Structure formats: C-alpha cells, structure tokens
Protein backbone atom coordinates (compact mmCIF):
# COMPACT_ATOMS: atom_id res chain seq x y z
CA MET A 1 -39.72 91.73 98.44
CA SER A 2 -38.61 88.34 99.68
CA GLY A 3 -39.90 85.54 101.89
CA GLY A 4 -42.43 84.24 99.39
CA ARG A 5 -44.16 87.60 99.04
CA VAL A 6 -45.32 88.85 95.66
CA SER A 7 -42.81 91.20 94.03
CA LEU A 8 -43.99 94.80 93.86
CA SER A 9 -42.67 97.71 91.90
CA ARG A 10 -41.46 100.71 93.90
CA ALA A 11 -44.59 102.68 93.02
CA GLU A 12 -46.83 99.80 94.15
CA LEU A 13 -44.74 99.38 97.30
CA PHE A 14 -45.03 103.06 98.22
CA ALA A 15 -48.80 102.97 97.56
CA ALA A 16 -49.24 99.87 99.77
CA ILE A 17 -47.22 101.36 102.64
CA ARG A 18 -49.20 104.61 102.55
CA ARG A 19 -52.49 102.67 102.40
CA ASP A 20 -51.63 100.57 105.48
CA LYS A 21 -50.60 103.68 107.40
CA ARG A 22 -53.83 105.41 106.35
CA LEU A 23 -55.96 102.48 107.56
CA ASP A 24 -53.96 101.97 110.78
CA PRO A 25 -52.32 105.21 111.94
CA GLU A 26 -50.88 103.43 115.02
CA MET A 27 -48.85 101.04 112.86
CA SER A 28 -45.13 101.77 113.37
CA GLN A 29 -42.48 102.16 110.71
CA ARG A 30 -40.73 99.04 112.08
CA ALA A 31 -43.91 97.00 111.58
CA LEU A 32 -44.36 98.30 108.05
CA ALA A 33 -40.72 97.53 107.22
CA GLU A 34 -41.07 93.98 108.55
CA LYS A 35 -44.34 93.46 106.71
CA TYR A 36 -42.92 94.39 103.32
CA GLY A 37 -39.35 93.26 103.93
CA VAL A 38 -37.73 96.64 103.30
CA HIS A 39 -35.52 99.03 105.23
CA ARG A 40 -37.12 101.58 107.52
CA ARG A 41 -35.51 104.27 105.36
CA THR A 42 -37.71 103.09 102.47
CA VAL A 43 -40.78 103.30 104.73
CA ARG A 44 -39.88 106.86 105.71
CA GLN A 45 -39.51 107.79 102.02
CA ALA A 46 -42.92 106.30 101.21
CA LEU A 47 -44.64 108.14 104.05
CA THR A 48 -42.93 111.37 103.06
CA SER A 49 -43.91 111.25 99.33
CA ALA A 50 -45.96 108.94 97.10
CA VAL A 51 -43.42 109.41 94.29
CA PRO A 52 -40.41 107.10 94.69
CA PRO A 53 -37.12 109.01 94.61
CA PRO A 54 -34.96 108.34 91.54
CA ARG A 55 -32.36 105.67 91.94
CA LYS A 56 -28.83 106.90 92.35
CA LYS A 57 -26.67 106.35 89.33
CA PRO A 58 -23.72 104.15 90.11
CA VAL A 59 -20.35 105.81 90.03
CA PRO A 60 -18.72 104.78 86.73
CA ARG A 61 -15.85 102.43 87.18
CA THR A 62 -12.47 103.50 86.02
CA SER A 63 -11.23 101.83 82.86
CA VAL A 64 -7.76 100.66 82.14
CA LEU A 65 -8.06 102.56 78.85
CA ASP A 66 -8.68 105.97 80.48
CA PRO A 67 -5.08 107.22 80.09
CA ALA A 68 -5.11 106.43 76.34
CA LYS A 69 -8.55 107.75 75.38
CA GLY A 70 -7.21 111.16 74.42
CA TRP A 71 -4.61 109.61 72.09
CA ILE A 72 -7.24 107.37 70.47
CA ASP A 73 -9.62 110.30 69.94
CA ALA A 74 -6.83 112.25 68.23
CA MET A 75 -6.21 109.37 65.81
CA LEU A 76 -9.92 109.12 64.99
CA ARG A 77 -10.11 112.87 64.29
CA GLU A 78 -7.19 112.52 61.88
CA ASP A 79 -9.30 110.00 59.96
CA LEU A 80 -11.90 112.67 59.20
CA THR A 81 -9.66 114.10 56.46
CA ALA A 82 -7.74 110.94 55.57
CA PRO A 83 -8.36 108.94 52.35
CA ARG A 84 -11.17 106.41 52.65
CA LYS A 85 -8.86 103.41 52.35
CA GLN A 86 -6.17 104.79 54.68
CA LYS A 87 -8.03 105.27 57.93
CA HIS A 88 -7.09 103.74 61.29
CA THR A 89 -8.35 100.31 62.09
CA ALA A 90 -8.74 99.23 65.71
CA ARG A 91 -5.71 96.99 65.34
CA ARG A 92 -3.56 99.82 63.98
CA ILE A 93 -4.59 102.05 66.90
CA TRP A 94 -3.70 99.30 69.35
CA GLN A 95 -0.31 98.91 67.69
CA ARG A 96 0.41 102.66 67.75
CA LEU A 97 -0.48 102.89 71.44
CA ALA A 98 2.20 100.30 72.18
CA GLN A 99 4.83 101.62 69.74
CA GLU A 100 4.51 105.40 70.08
CA TYR A 101 3.07 105.84 73.60
CA SER A 102 4.41 102.70 75.32
CA PHE A 103 0.87 101.90 76.44
CA ASP A 104 0.25 98.18 76.56
CA GLN A 105 -2.09 97.88 79.53
CA ALA A 106 -5.29 97.51 77.43
CA SER A 107 -6.11 94.43 75.39
CA TYR A 108 -6.95 94.53 71.72
CA SER A 109 -10.65 93.72 72.39
CA THR A 110 -10.88 96.67 74.82
CA VAL A 111 -9.55 99.03 72.17
CA CYS A 112 -12.02 97.56 69.60
CA ASP A 113 -14.99 98.15 71.89
CA TYR A 114 -13.99 101.77 72.50
CA VAL A 115 -13.31 102.55 68.81
CA LEU A 116 -16.65 100.97 67.79
CA VAL A 117 -18.54 103.42 70.01
CA ARG A 118 -16.29 106.48 69.74
CA ARG A 119 -15.76 106.68 65.96
CA PRO A 120 -19.45 107.48 65.10
CA GLU A 121 -19.56 110.02 67.94
CA ILE A 122 -16.55 111.90 66.58
CA GLU A 123 -17.99 111.85 63.03
CA ALA A 124 -21.29 113.21 64.37
CA GLU A 125 -19.47 115.98 66.27
CA ALA A 126 -17.71 116.98 63.04
CA ARG A 127 -21.05 117.27 61.25
CA GLU A 128 -22.63 119.24 64.07
CA GLY A 129 -22.44 122.52 62.17
CA HIS A 130 -24.30 121.29 59.08
CA ARG A 131 -26.33 118.38 60.45
CA HIS A 132 -29.72 117.69 58.85
CA MET A 133 -32.55 115.61 60.21
CA ASN A 134 -34.05 112.76 58.26
CA GLY A 135 -37.80 113.23 57.99
CA MET A 136 -40.67 114.21 55.75
CA VAL A 137 -42.30 117.60 55.34
CA PRO A 138 -46.03 117.56 54.41
CA GLN A 139 -46.75 119.18 51.04
CA VAL A 140 -49.73 121.01 49.55
CA HIS A 141 -50.94 119.78 46.13
CA LEU A 142 -53.29 122.08 44.26
CA PRO A 143 -56.03 120.57 42.05
CA GLY A 144 -54.93 119.64 38.54
CA GLU A 145 -51.29 120.61 38.95
CA GLU A 146 -49.29 117.45 39.71
CA ALA A 147 -49.24 113.72 39.08
CA GLU A 148 -46.85 110.82 39.68
CA VAL A 149 -45.93 107.87 37.44
CA ASP A 150 -44.23 104.57 38.17
CA PHE A 151 -43.99 100.94 37.05
CA ALA A 152 -44.48 97.94 39.36
CA ASP A 153 -43.75 94.28 38.59
CA VAL A 154 -46.74 91.94 38.43
CA TRP A 155 -47.14 88.28 37.47
CA VAL A 156 -49.98 87.22 35.17
CA ARG A 157 -51.15 83.79 34.02
CA LEU A 158 -51.39 84.62 30.32
CA ALA A 159 -53.01 81.93 28.14
CA GLY A 160 -52.02 79.32 30.71
CA GLU A 161 -48.40 80.48 31.17
CA VAL A 162 -47.24 82.58 34.13
CA VAL A 163 -45.29 85.57 32.79
CA LYS A 164 -43.81 88.68 34.36
CA CYS A 165 -45.54 91.88 33.28
CA HIS A 166 -45.42 95.51 34.38
CA LEU A 167 -48.14 97.60 36.03
CA PHE A 168 -48.17 101.23 34.85
CA THR A 169 -49.69 103.68 37.35
CA LEU A 170 -50.44 107.39 36.92
CA ARG A 171 -51.79 109.02 40.09
CA LEU A 172 -53.06 112.58 40.53
CA SER A 173 -51.49 114.11 43.64
CA TYR A 174 -54.52 116.14 44.78
CA SER A 175 -57.44 113.72 44.49
CA GLY A 176 -55.52 110.43 44.51
CA LYS A 177 -57.32 109.34 41.33
CA ALA A 178 -55.16 106.62 39.73
CA VAL A 179 -55.19 104.91 36.34
CA HIS A 180 -53.55 101.49 35.95
CA ARG A 181 -52.59 99.45 32.89
CA VAL A 182 -50.59 96.22 32.49
CA TYR A 183 -47.99 95.93 29.72
CA ALA A 184 -45.68 93.19 28.56
CA SER A 185 -42.59 95.37 29.02
CA GLN A 186 -41.39 98.75 30.26
CA ALA A 187 -40.43 99.84 26.75
CA GLN A 188 -40.93 103.41 25.64
CA GLU A 189 -44.03 102.42 23.65
CA SER A 190 -45.66 101.00 26.80
CA PHE A 191 -44.56 104.02 28.84
CA MET A 192 -46.19 106.49 26.47
CA GLU A 193 -49.30 104.37 25.83
CA GLY A 194 -49.89 104.31 29.58
CA HIS A 195 -49.86 108.12 29.61
CA VAL A 196 -52.28 108.31 26.69
CA ALA A 197 -54.68 105.87 28.34
CA ALA A 198 -54.49 107.79 31.63
CA PHE A 199 -55.00 111.19 29.98
CA ASN A 200 -58.05 109.87 28.11
CA VAL A 201 -59.57 108.52 31.35
CA LEU A 202 -58.83 111.72 33.27
CA GLY A 203 -59.99 113.95 30.43
CA GLY A 204 -56.99 116.25 30.68
CA VAL A 205 -53.30 116.75 31.51
CA PRO A 206 -51.68 118.06 34.74
CA THR A 207 -50.77 121.72 34.33
CA ARG A 208 -47.54 121.87 36.37
CA HIS A 209 -45.54 118.65 36.10
CA ILE A 210 -45.50 114.87 36.48
CA ARG A 211 -42.97 113.22 38.81
CA TYR A 212 -40.81 110.32 37.56
CA ASP A 213 -37.98 108.03 38.47
CA ASN A 214 -35.07 108.17 36.05
CA LEU A 215 -36.71 105.63 33.73
CA LYS A 216 -34.86 104.57 30.58
CA PRO A 217 -37.87 105.28 28.31
CA ALA A 218 -37.58 108.95 29.29
CA VAL A 219 -33.98 109.61 30.39
CA ASN A 220 -30.89 108.89 28.32
CA ARG A 221 -28.37 110.27 30.80
CA ILE A 222 -28.43 111.65 34.36
CA CYS A 223 -26.46 114.87 34.79
CA THR A 224 -25.68 116.86 37.93
CA GLY A 225 -28.57 117.89 40.15
CA ARG A 226 -31.96 117.65 38.46
CA SER A 227 -30.54 117.94 34.94
CA ARG A 228 -31.37 115.09 32.57
CA VAL A 229 -30.76 114.31 28.89
CA GLU A 230 -34.16 113.08 27.67
CA SER A 231 -34.85 110.88 24.66
CA GLU A 232 -36.03 112.62 21.51
CA ARG A 233 -39.36 110.76 21.16
CA TRP A 234 -40.17 111.43 24.83
CA LEU A 235 -39.49 115.14 24.33
CA THR A 236 -41.82 115.10 21.32
CA PHE A 237 -44.49 113.31 23.34
CA ARG A 238 -44.29 115.84 26.19
CA ALA A 239 -44.44 118.73 23.75
CA HIS A 240 -47.53 117.21 22.08
CA TYR A 241 -49.46 116.94 25.37
CA GLY A 242 -47.93 120.05 26.95
CA PHE A 243 -46.60 119.04 30.38
CA ASP A 244 -43.26 119.18 32.20
CA ALA A 245 -41.34 116.36 33.85
CA PHE A 246 -39.89 116.40 37.37
CA TYR A 247 -37.18 113.75 37.89
CA CYS A 248 -36.52 112.49 41.41
CA ILE A 249 -33.13 111.95 43.01
CA PRO A 250 -31.68 108.59 41.91
CA GLY A 251 -31.86 105.66 44.33
CA GLN A 252 -33.80 105.23 47.55
CA GLU A 253 -33.17 108.82 48.61
CA GLY A 254 -35.57 110.02 45.90
CA ALA A 255 -38.33 107.47 46.51
CA HIS A 256 -40.08 109.75 49.03
CA GLU A 257 -40.41 112.46 46.36
CA LYS A 258 -43.17 110.42 44.73
CA GLY A 259 -44.26 108.33 47.67
CA GLY A 260 -47.93 108.44 46.66
CA VAL A 261 -47.50 106.37 43.49
CA GLU A 262 -44.89 104.12 45.15
CA HIS A 263 -47.52 103.11 47.69
CA GLU A 264 -50.35 103.01 45.14
CA GLY A 265 -48.66 100.46 42.86
CA GLY A 266 -48.10 98.00 45.68
CA ARG A 267 -51.55 98.56 47.19
CA PHE A 268 -53.32 97.96 43.88
CA ARG A 269 -51.29 94.81 43.22
CA ARG A 270 -52.03 93.35 46.67
CA THR A 271 -55.71 94.27 46.57
CA HIS A 272 -56.77 93.42 43.02
CA LEU A 273 -54.08 91.20 41.47
CA VAL A 274 -53.97 88.50 44.15
CA PRO A 275 -54.27 85.64 43.33
CA VAL A 276 -52.39 85.77 40.03
CA PRO A 277 -54.86 86.90 37.31
CA ASP A 278 -55.73 84.18 34.78
CA VAL A 279 -56.61 85.78 31.43
CA ALA A 280 -56.36 84.98 27.74
CA SER A 281 -54.72 88.31 26.81
CA LEU A 282 -53.51 91.53 28.35
CA GLU A 283 -56.35 93.36 26.60
CA GLU A 284 -58.81 91.29 28.64
CA LEU A 285 -56.92 92.07 31.85
CA ASN A 286 -56.81 95.80 31.11
CA GLU A 287 -60.56 95.84 30.51
CA LYS A 288 -61.07 94.40 33.99
CA ILE A 289 -58.62 96.91 35.47
CA THR A 290 -60.58 99.76 33.84
CA GLU A 291 -63.70 98.62 35.70
CA ILE A 292 -61.72 98.38 38.96
CA ASP A 293 -60.36 101.91 38.53
CA ALA A 294 -63.89 103.25 38.08
CA ALA A 295 -65.12 101.42 41.20
CA GLU A 296 -62.25 102.80 43.31
CA ASP A 297 -63.65 106.31 43.02
CA ALA A 298 -65.74 105.42 46.09
CA ARG A 299 -62.59 104.83 48.19
CA ILE A 300 -61.62 107.36 50.90
CA LEU A 301 -57.92 108.00 51.41
CA GLN A 302 -56.41 108.14 54.88
CA GLY A 303 -56.77 111.60 56.38
CA ARG A 304 -59.48 112.65 53.91
CA LEU A 305 -63.16 113.23 54.58
CA THR A 306 -64.41 112.80 51.02
CA THR A 307 -64.04 110.12 48.38
CA ILE A 308 -61.52 110.02 45.53
CA GLY A 309 -64.33 110.52 43.02
CA PHE A 310 -65.63 113.61 44.81
CA ASN A 311 -62.17 115.18 44.92
CA PHE A 312 -61.57 114.26 41.28
CA ILE A 313 -64.69 116.19 40.23
CA ILE A 314 -63.06 119.28 41.75
CA GLU A 315 -59.80 118.52 39.96
CA THR A 316 -61.30 117.80 36.53
CA ASP A 317 -61.94 121.43 35.64
CA GLN A 318 -58.36 122.39 36.55
CA LEU A 319 -56.66 119.97 34.14
CA ALA A 320 -55.29 121.21 30.83
CA PRO A 321 -57.35 120.08 27.80
CA LEU A 322 -56.25 117.19 25.62
CA PRO A 323 -54.77 117.93 22.18
CA PHE A 324 -56.99 117.52 19.13
CA GLU A 325 -55.05 114.50 17.79
CA GLU A 326 -53.85 111.50 19.78
CA PHE A 327 -50.12 110.77 19.69
CA GLU A 328 -49.11 107.52 17.97
CA CYS A 329 -46.90 105.86 20.56
CA GLY A 330 -45.92 102.88 18.41
CA ILE A 331 -42.65 102.79 16.51
CA THR A 332 -42.56 101.96 12.77
CA LEU A 333 -39.97 99.43 11.59
CA THR A 334 -39.28 97.71 8.24
CA PRO A 335 -37.71 94.28 8.91
CA LYS A 336 -37.12 91.79 6.11
CA ALA A 337 -39.02 88.48 6.00
CA ASP A 338 -36.65 85.51 5.82
CA ARG A 339 -37.14 82.10 4.20
CA THR A 340 -39.09 80.87 7.22
CA SER A 341 -41.68 83.61 6.63
CA ARG A 342 -40.63 85.36 9.81
CA ILE A 343 -39.49 88.85 10.70
CA THR A 344 -37.23 89.70 13.63
CA VAL A 345 -38.20 92.65 15.86
CA ARG A 346 -36.28 93.39 19.08
CA GLN A 347 -34.70 89.90 19.01
CA CYS A 348 -38.12 88.21 18.83
CA HIS A 349 -39.58 86.44 15.77
CA TYR A 350 -43.04 86.86 14.24
CA SER A 351 -44.58 85.10 11.23
CA VAL A 352 -45.91 87.01 8.20
CA PRO A 353 -47.94 85.81 5.20
CA ALA A 354 -45.75 83.71 2.91
CA ARG A 355 -46.06 86.15 0.00
CA PHE A 356 -43.78 88.58 1.87
CA ILE A 357 -40.76 86.24 1.91
CA GLY A 358 -37.68 88.17 0.82
CA GLN A 359 -39.43 91.56 1.16
CA ASN A 360 -39.22 94.35 3.69
CA VAL A 361 -42.42 94.56 5.69
CA ARG A 362 -43.77 97.67 7.46
CA VAL A 363 -44.68 96.93 11.08
CA LEU A 364 -45.96 99.05 13.96
CA LEU A 365 -44.59 98.00 17.36
CA ARG A 366 -46.84 98.99 20.26
CA GLY A 367 -46.79 98.29 23.97
CA ASN A 368 -48.74 95.03 23.85
CA GLU A 369 -49.02 94.18 20.15
CA LEU A 370 -47.27 94.19 16.79
CA LEU A 371 -49.17 95.12 13.61
CA ILE A 372 -48.04 94.08 10.12
CA PHE A 373 -49.17 96.19 7.16
CA GLU A 374 -49.54 95.79 3.43
CA ARG A 375 -49.80 99.37 2.31
CA ARG A 376 -52.51 100.69 4.66
CA LYS A 377 -54.16 97.35 5.35
CA ILE A 378 -53.39 95.33 8.49
CA VAL A 379 -52.59 91.79 7.33
CA ALA A 380 -51.41 90.31 10.65
CA ARG A 381 -51.55 91.09 14.35
CA HIS A 382 -49.37 89.48 17.04
CA PRO A 383 -49.12 89.96 20.81
CA ARG A 384 -45.81 91.60 21.66
CA LEU A 385 -43.08 89.23 22.77
CA THR A 386 -40.46 90.26 25.32
CA ARG A 387 -38.11 87.35 25.92
CA ARG A 388 -35.12 87.07 23.63
CA GLY A 389 -35.55 84.40 20.96
CA GLU A 390 -39.30 83.91 21.44
CA PHE A 391 -41.40 83.28 18.33
CA ARG A 392 -45.05 83.55 17.33
CA ASP A 393 -46.25 81.68 14.22
CA GLU A 394 -49.73 81.77 12.66
CA LEU A 395 -50.77 78.65 10.73
CA ASP A 396 -52.64 80.73 8.15
CA HIS A 397 -49.37 82.40 7.09
CA TYR A 398 -47.87 79.07 5.92
CA LEU A 399 -50.80 77.52 4.02
CA GLU A 400 -49.46 78.34 0.53
CA ILE A 401 -46.11 76.77 1.43
CA LEU A 402 -47.78 73.71 2.97
CA LEU A 403 -49.79 73.09 -0.21
CA ALA A 404 -46.49 72.31 -1.91
CA LYS A 405 -44.96 70.65 1.17
CA PRO A 406 -47.80 68.86 2.99
CA GLY A 407 -45.33 66.63 4.84
CA ALA A 408 -44.12 69.65 6.85
CA MET A 409 -47.56 70.19 8.35
CA ALA A 410 -47.43 67.67 11.19
CA GLY A 411 -44.23 68.97 12.81
CA SER A 412 -44.65 72.70 12.13
CA THR A 413 -44.40 75.22 14.96
CA ALA A 414 -47.39 77.03 13.47
CA LEU A 415 -49.56 73.93 13.98
CA ALA A 416 -48.31 73.57 17.56
CA THR A 417 -49.20 77.22 18.24
CA ALA A 418 -52.65 76.78 16.67
CA ARG A 419 -53.33 73.76 18.86
CA GLN A 420 -52.18 75.65 21.92
CA ASN A 421 -54.37 78.71 21.36
CA GLY A 422 -57.38 76.62 20.36
CA SER A 423 -57.76 77.77 16.74
CA PHE A 424 -57.00 74.23 15.51
CA THR A 425 -59.98 72.43 17.03
CA GLU A 426 -61.04 68.82 17.51
CA VAL A 427 -63.13 69.13 14.35
CA HIS A 428 -59.98 69.98 12.38
CA GLU A 429 -58.20 66.99 13.90
CA ALA A 430 -61.09 64.65 13.03
CA PHE A 431 -61.31 65.95 9.46
CA TRP A 432 -57.56 65.60 8.99
CA ALA A 433 -57.60 62.01 10.25
CA ALA A 434 -60.57 61.11 8.02
CA ALA A 435 -58.97 62.78 4.99
CA ARG A 436 -55.67 60.93 5.43
CA THR A 437 -57.51 57.67 5.81
CA ALA A 438 -59.49 58.29 2.61
CA HIS A 439 -56.84 59.93 0.40
CA GLY A 440 -53.47 59.16 1.96
CA ASP A 441 -51.17 61.36 4.02
CA ALA A 442 -50.15 63.88 1.35
CA ALA A 443 -53.52 64.23 -0.41
CA GLY A 444 -55.41 64.19 2.91
CA THR A 445 -53.21 66.93 4.31
CA ARG A 446 -53.74 69.02 1.16
CA ALA A 447 -57.50 68.59 1.59
CA LEU A 448 -57.18 69.94 5.14
CA ILE A 449 -55.08 72.89 3.95
CA GLU A 450 -57.68 73.75 1.31
CA VAL A 451 -60.30 73.72 4.06
CA LEU A 452 -58.13 76.00 6.20
CA LEU A 453 -57.98 78.41 3.28
CA LEU A 454 -61.78 78.63 3.45
CA HIS A 455 -61.42 80.43 6.80
CA ARG A 456 -60.12 83.48 4.92
CA ARG A 457 -63.42 84.11 3.17
CA MET A 458 -66.03 82.31 5.31
CA PRO A 459 -66.97 82.59 9.00
CA PRO A 460 -65.09 80.07 11.17
CA ASP A 461 -68.29 78.68 12.74
CA THR A 462 -69.84 77.82 9.40
CA VAL A 463 -66.62 76.17 8.20
CA LEU A 464 -66.61 73.98 11.31
CA LEU A 465 -70.22 72.98 10.63
CA GLY A 466 -69.30 72.21 7.04
CA MET A 467 -66.37 70.03 8.16
CA ALA A 468 -68.60 68.13 10.59
CA ALA A 469 -71.18 67.52 7.84
CA ALA A 470 -68.45 66.35 5.42
CA ILE A 471 -67.13 63.89 8.02
CA ARG A 472 -70.60 62.46 8.55
CA ALA A 473 -71.11 62.14 4.79
CA GLY A 474 -67.72 60.51 4.32
CA ALA A 475 -66.74 63.09 1.68
CA THR A 476 -63.61 64.79 3.05
CA THR A 477 -62.97 67.35 0.33
CA ALA A 478 -62.81 71.13 0.43
CA ASP A 479 -65.65 71.46 -2.12
CA VAL A 480 -68.05 69.48 0.07
CA VAL A 481 -67.05 71.52 3.12
CA ALA A 482 -67.64 74.77 1.22
CA ILE A 483 -71.10 73.65 0.06
CA GLU A 484 -72.11 72.51 3.54
CA ALA A 485 -70.74 75.69 5.08
CA ARG A 486 -72.85 77.81 2.72
CA LYS A 487 -75.91 75.74 3.64
CA ALA A 488 -75.22 76.31 7.32
CA ALA A 489 -74.79 80.03 6.73
CA ALA A 490 -78.09 80.19 4.80
CA GLN A 491 -79.98 78.35 7.54
CA ALA A 492 -78.56 80.40 10.37
CA PRO A 493 -80.72 83.34 11.53
CA ALA A 494 -79.49 86.69 10.33
CA PRO A 495 -77.80 88.68 13.09
CA PRO A 496 -79.68 91.80 14.23
CA GLU A 497 -78.37 94.97 12.69
CA ASP A 498 -79.03 98.59 13.47
CA LEU A 499 -81.04 100.16 10.67
CA ASP A 500 -79.80 103.43 9.28
CA ASP A 501 -81.81 106.41 8.03
CA ALA A 502 -82.27 104.81 4.62
CA GLY A 503 -84.97 102.49 6.05
CA ASP A 504 -85.47 98.73 5.82
CA PRO A 505 -83.73 96.90 2.99
CA PRO A 506 -86.03 95.31 0.41
CA PRO A 507 -86.93 91.65 1.06
CA TRP A 508 -85.11 90.48 -2.04
CA ALA A 509 -81.79 91.98 -0.93
CA GLU A 510 -79.40 89.22 0.17
CA PRO A 511 -76.59 89.75 2.69
CA SER A 512 -74.00 88.95 0.04
CA GLY A 513 -75.16 91.93 -2.04
CA VAL A 514 -76.06 89.71 -5.03
CA VAL A 515 -79.70 90.26 -6.15
CA SER A 516 -81.74 87.14 -6.72
CA LEU A 517 -84.03 87.90 -9.73
CA THR A 518 -86.43 85.12 -8.76
CA ALA A 519 -86.85 86.50 -5.26
CA ARG A 520 -87.17 90.04 -6.58
CA ARG A 521 -89.77 89.06 -9.20
CA ALA A 522 -91.91 87.45 -6.50
CA GLN A 523 -92.16 90.81 -4.73
CA LEU A 524 -93.30 92.80 -7.81
CA PRO A 525 -97.03 93.73 -8.22
CA GLU A 526 -99.21 91.56 -10.47
CA ASP A 527 -98.95 92.41 -14.19
CA LYS A 528 -102.55 92.80 -15.56
CA ARG A 529 -101.53 93.66 -19.10
CA PRO A 530 -102.77 91.26 -21.88
CA LEU A 531 -100.35 88.66 -23.05
CA PRO A 532 -98.56 89.46 -26.30
CA THR A 533 -99.99 87.89 -29.50
CA VAL A 534 -98.65 87.15 -33.00
CA SER A 535 -102.03 87.06 -34.81
CA HIS A 536 -101.14 90.13 -36.82
CA TYR A 537 -98.22 88.29 -38.27
CA ASP A 538 -100.46 85.38 -39.33
CA GLN A 539 -102.04 87.60 -41.99
CA LEU A 540 -98.79 87.61 -43.83
CA LEU A 541 -99.07 83.88 -44.31
CA THR A 542 -102.49 84.21 -46.15
CA ARG A 543 -101.20 86.59 -48.75
CA ARG A 544 -99.69 84.66 -51.60
CA GLN A 545 -97.87 86.24 -54.49
CA PRO A 546 -99.10 85.58 -58.17
CA LYS A 547 -97.26 82.95 -60.15
CA GLY A 548 -94.54 84.19 -62.40
CA THR A 549 -93.71 87.21 -60.28
CA ALA A 550 -90.45 87.64 -58.68
C-alpha cells in the first residue's frame, strides 16, 4: 500500500478487504480498491477467496550463454572420468568455446558463474544410481554388551604449574554410566590403567565389545576396512580381561560411531573441570573425580525416564566377571644410573639414591608415576614426566655425595626442587643459616646434611621440632637435634591404633619394641618372700682349725 498507509501482507490485505465488505455489504469494489490503494482485480480476488493466489513466476530471461550450454555440459561430463589434475577449468572451457566452436559472445565471468553452478549438478546426476544420504540411524544397546572409550585434552594446575593432561573416559552404552580418570599422557600404560580403574568401578567387563578410535596404544597399523594390527601388550591385556575391540573408521567419518563418549568427554570437562583444577598431584584430582562419578549416578540422560544409577543396576548383572588377578599395566625397564645419580626413562630424567651410580636399576613405569626398586623394595617414587628433557631430583638421594661436597648444596637442582615442593621448610633454612654462622659454610652445611639424614629414620615432624629446639639452644649439631627430636616424640601422645585379637599390650611395652626393665619391674606383683641371709656362712668363721694341722 502507498500514500502513508501501513504496509500489509497479501494475507492481511485480503482479510481486511473481506472484513470491510462483511461489515458494509453496500461498499463497492471501487471504494475498497481506493481505500487500500490496490487494483479492483485484487479486490475481486479477495472477495472470491480468502487465500491469496500464488504469484506468477516471471518468465526466465534468455541468456547469451544458452547456445553454448550443451557444449559446456559435455566438457564437464568428460571430467567425470578424467584425472584429478587434468579437469577443465572455467578459463579452459571459455577458451575452447572460442577456439573450437567460434563462440565468443559470452564473457569469461559468465562462463565462470555457469560452471560454478553446473559442475556439482552434473556430479550429483552421475552419482544418482548409488547416492547415499548423510544421517544417523538410532541403535539399540543391550545391557552389559557395549562400551566406548576415548581421551580428551584437559588443563590442570599441578603444584602451581599449568600442564596439559588427558582425560580418560569409559562409558557404558546402555546405562550411560561413565568412569573418568586424568593421566599425564596417553601412553599405553595410562590407556590400560584407565580400563582397569573403570572395570573395578563397574564390577565387570562388557560382554560384546568396546568401541575405540585408532589410538596408538592399541593399534600399530590400520589395514583395509576394519582390520587392524594391534600391539602385543594390548592383545595380552584384552585376552586377560576377555573382551573384543571395535575400531571406528579413521577421521571425522567414524566419530559418530562412538558419539556417546565423544560428547561425554567434553560435557564432563565443561561441567566439572572449569575453572582449571588446582591440585597438588593427579592422585588428588582423581580422588575428587571418583566422588564426582558416584554423584552423577543421579543424572537423567536426555530421552530417558530413569537415572543413570537405576539403569546401571540393571546392567551390573549382565557384565562379565572380573579375572581373579589384576593386570599389571606398568612396563618394567632397567636403565643405568649415570654420574649425576639420574636415570633416563622416555627422554626424561629421574634421580635415584647415590649408591646406585653406575648400576642398572629396575623401574616400573606406570601412567602417572615411576617406581624404583632395590630387589623387591621400593626405594624411590616419582611422578611421571612427559615433556622431553624434564628432570625430577630428590634431595635425599644426594645426601651422601653432599657430605663430601658440601659446597654443591646451595646451587643443586635437588635443593631447588625441595624448596619448590615444600619439603625444605623455613625451619631447615633457619637451621642452615645458624649452622653456617656458628661453624662456617662447609661445616655448617655438613651439619644440615646430617640432620637431613635423620629424616630417614625419624618422623619429619619430630625432626622439625628438634631443629627448632636446637636453634633456640644455640647448639646447631645433628646430635642435639636427634636428642630433642626423641624428646618431642616421647612427649607426643601416642596415635590411636586398632587393637587386634591378641588384646591390649602390656603397659611396659614401648612403641619401639625395646622393653624397659625398670618399667616392667614396676608392674610386677609385690614379692613377699624373706630377704636372703648369709648367717649360715658366718658359722664357718667361728670354727678354727687346731695349731699344727695343715
């Protein structure tokens, strides 16, 4: 409409015309046309039907390219079987039209516009016989049969430093019950440890298969179709727990084959790991995640009427039982300790006790830690490092060397690490400063090292109390610290212990296991026997032998 009137759609216009005619039957078509600023033909259409007639499609204009469209289509159909790098470009088609068909009436841009639209249409027509539609087909998952596994990247503030870690997720397809764990890397040890943790939480193993990407911890080589060459340790692991693996199509095309765990990893990260978790160790973070997993049993998935926990109860009985023995996922290595009292494992460096210098050491590399053994005894434990060239030094491992080289103490990486993780406290710093003031740099440092050696056989808290007492007394020696530490340990209340079936220990039994005879004698019953006497022997003194006898 024009003339300052409000613009109406055709449906609104037809409704207004019919309303005016209904309210005033005497109103003429000319009056209605003038009122709404339309042709009388439009008024007649509105009075005839409330539905506006469809607009007439304009007659397509003829194009200057019409005579050449058949030639262009023929060239594009030739490209269907031509090599990928020898297909017609728009410029080559434009040149051929001029050279072979003497057609130069269309510009190059006109030919480009036509080829841009027509090429996909011709390719689609060629695929018409075997065309497939992109979409998803809903699937049925029976209880206890299937699960899905995937890794997702996650950032963690670990001991004050933001590091990239990896979130392992195993999700049951029927109930949606998921188990999450965070690891320092996606190594095979982490991959298998995640399975073990998940199986222990679930109380069983899926009976049919578990779906995977083509992860390096499991797959050595991708063959045709679904065929894969799996790693030997992964095959052994699967045989131990008794489940099959289903590997998805590589790339984005196979992501939908395990869409449940793909969504679950991102959802869990956004919901529970934002903001960036601030923890002292990955063990602490995984303990929190275990509590979160248990609480999520009350969650209801989209399209379900019952909770995850309720559905998991149904699924529990259908899982295959766990094997009698747990699989050791760690890998055993025997690196050699160098002169710096370090071993190198996966291009990362870890300190070992100085007595192992020049020897091969047995280590167990796990997902989040590295254990160092002396025969069957664990003598050192380090968090697993992942970045090439990283190192982890323990000050205790270098004490024997530092006794002979006290000048190397101040600038040692082990001391810097101890200060960073808080094991070298302000009390240690104060004792060291007092000892150097009293005895000199070398002798004072040796006194500190001898105190640090006390940590191996005495509780750390009592050693700290002993150091504080020695500083107050102005006697900064290891002997004074040891004496004061024992006093502090004796005065401290004994920690509560669970009593076994043998009953309460006797009052004279000391925690160290050494029996104090004085304390034990005080608990004995009173001895009422008469005291011993030597009067019978006095009679021998009264008997004298006659003179002259031998």
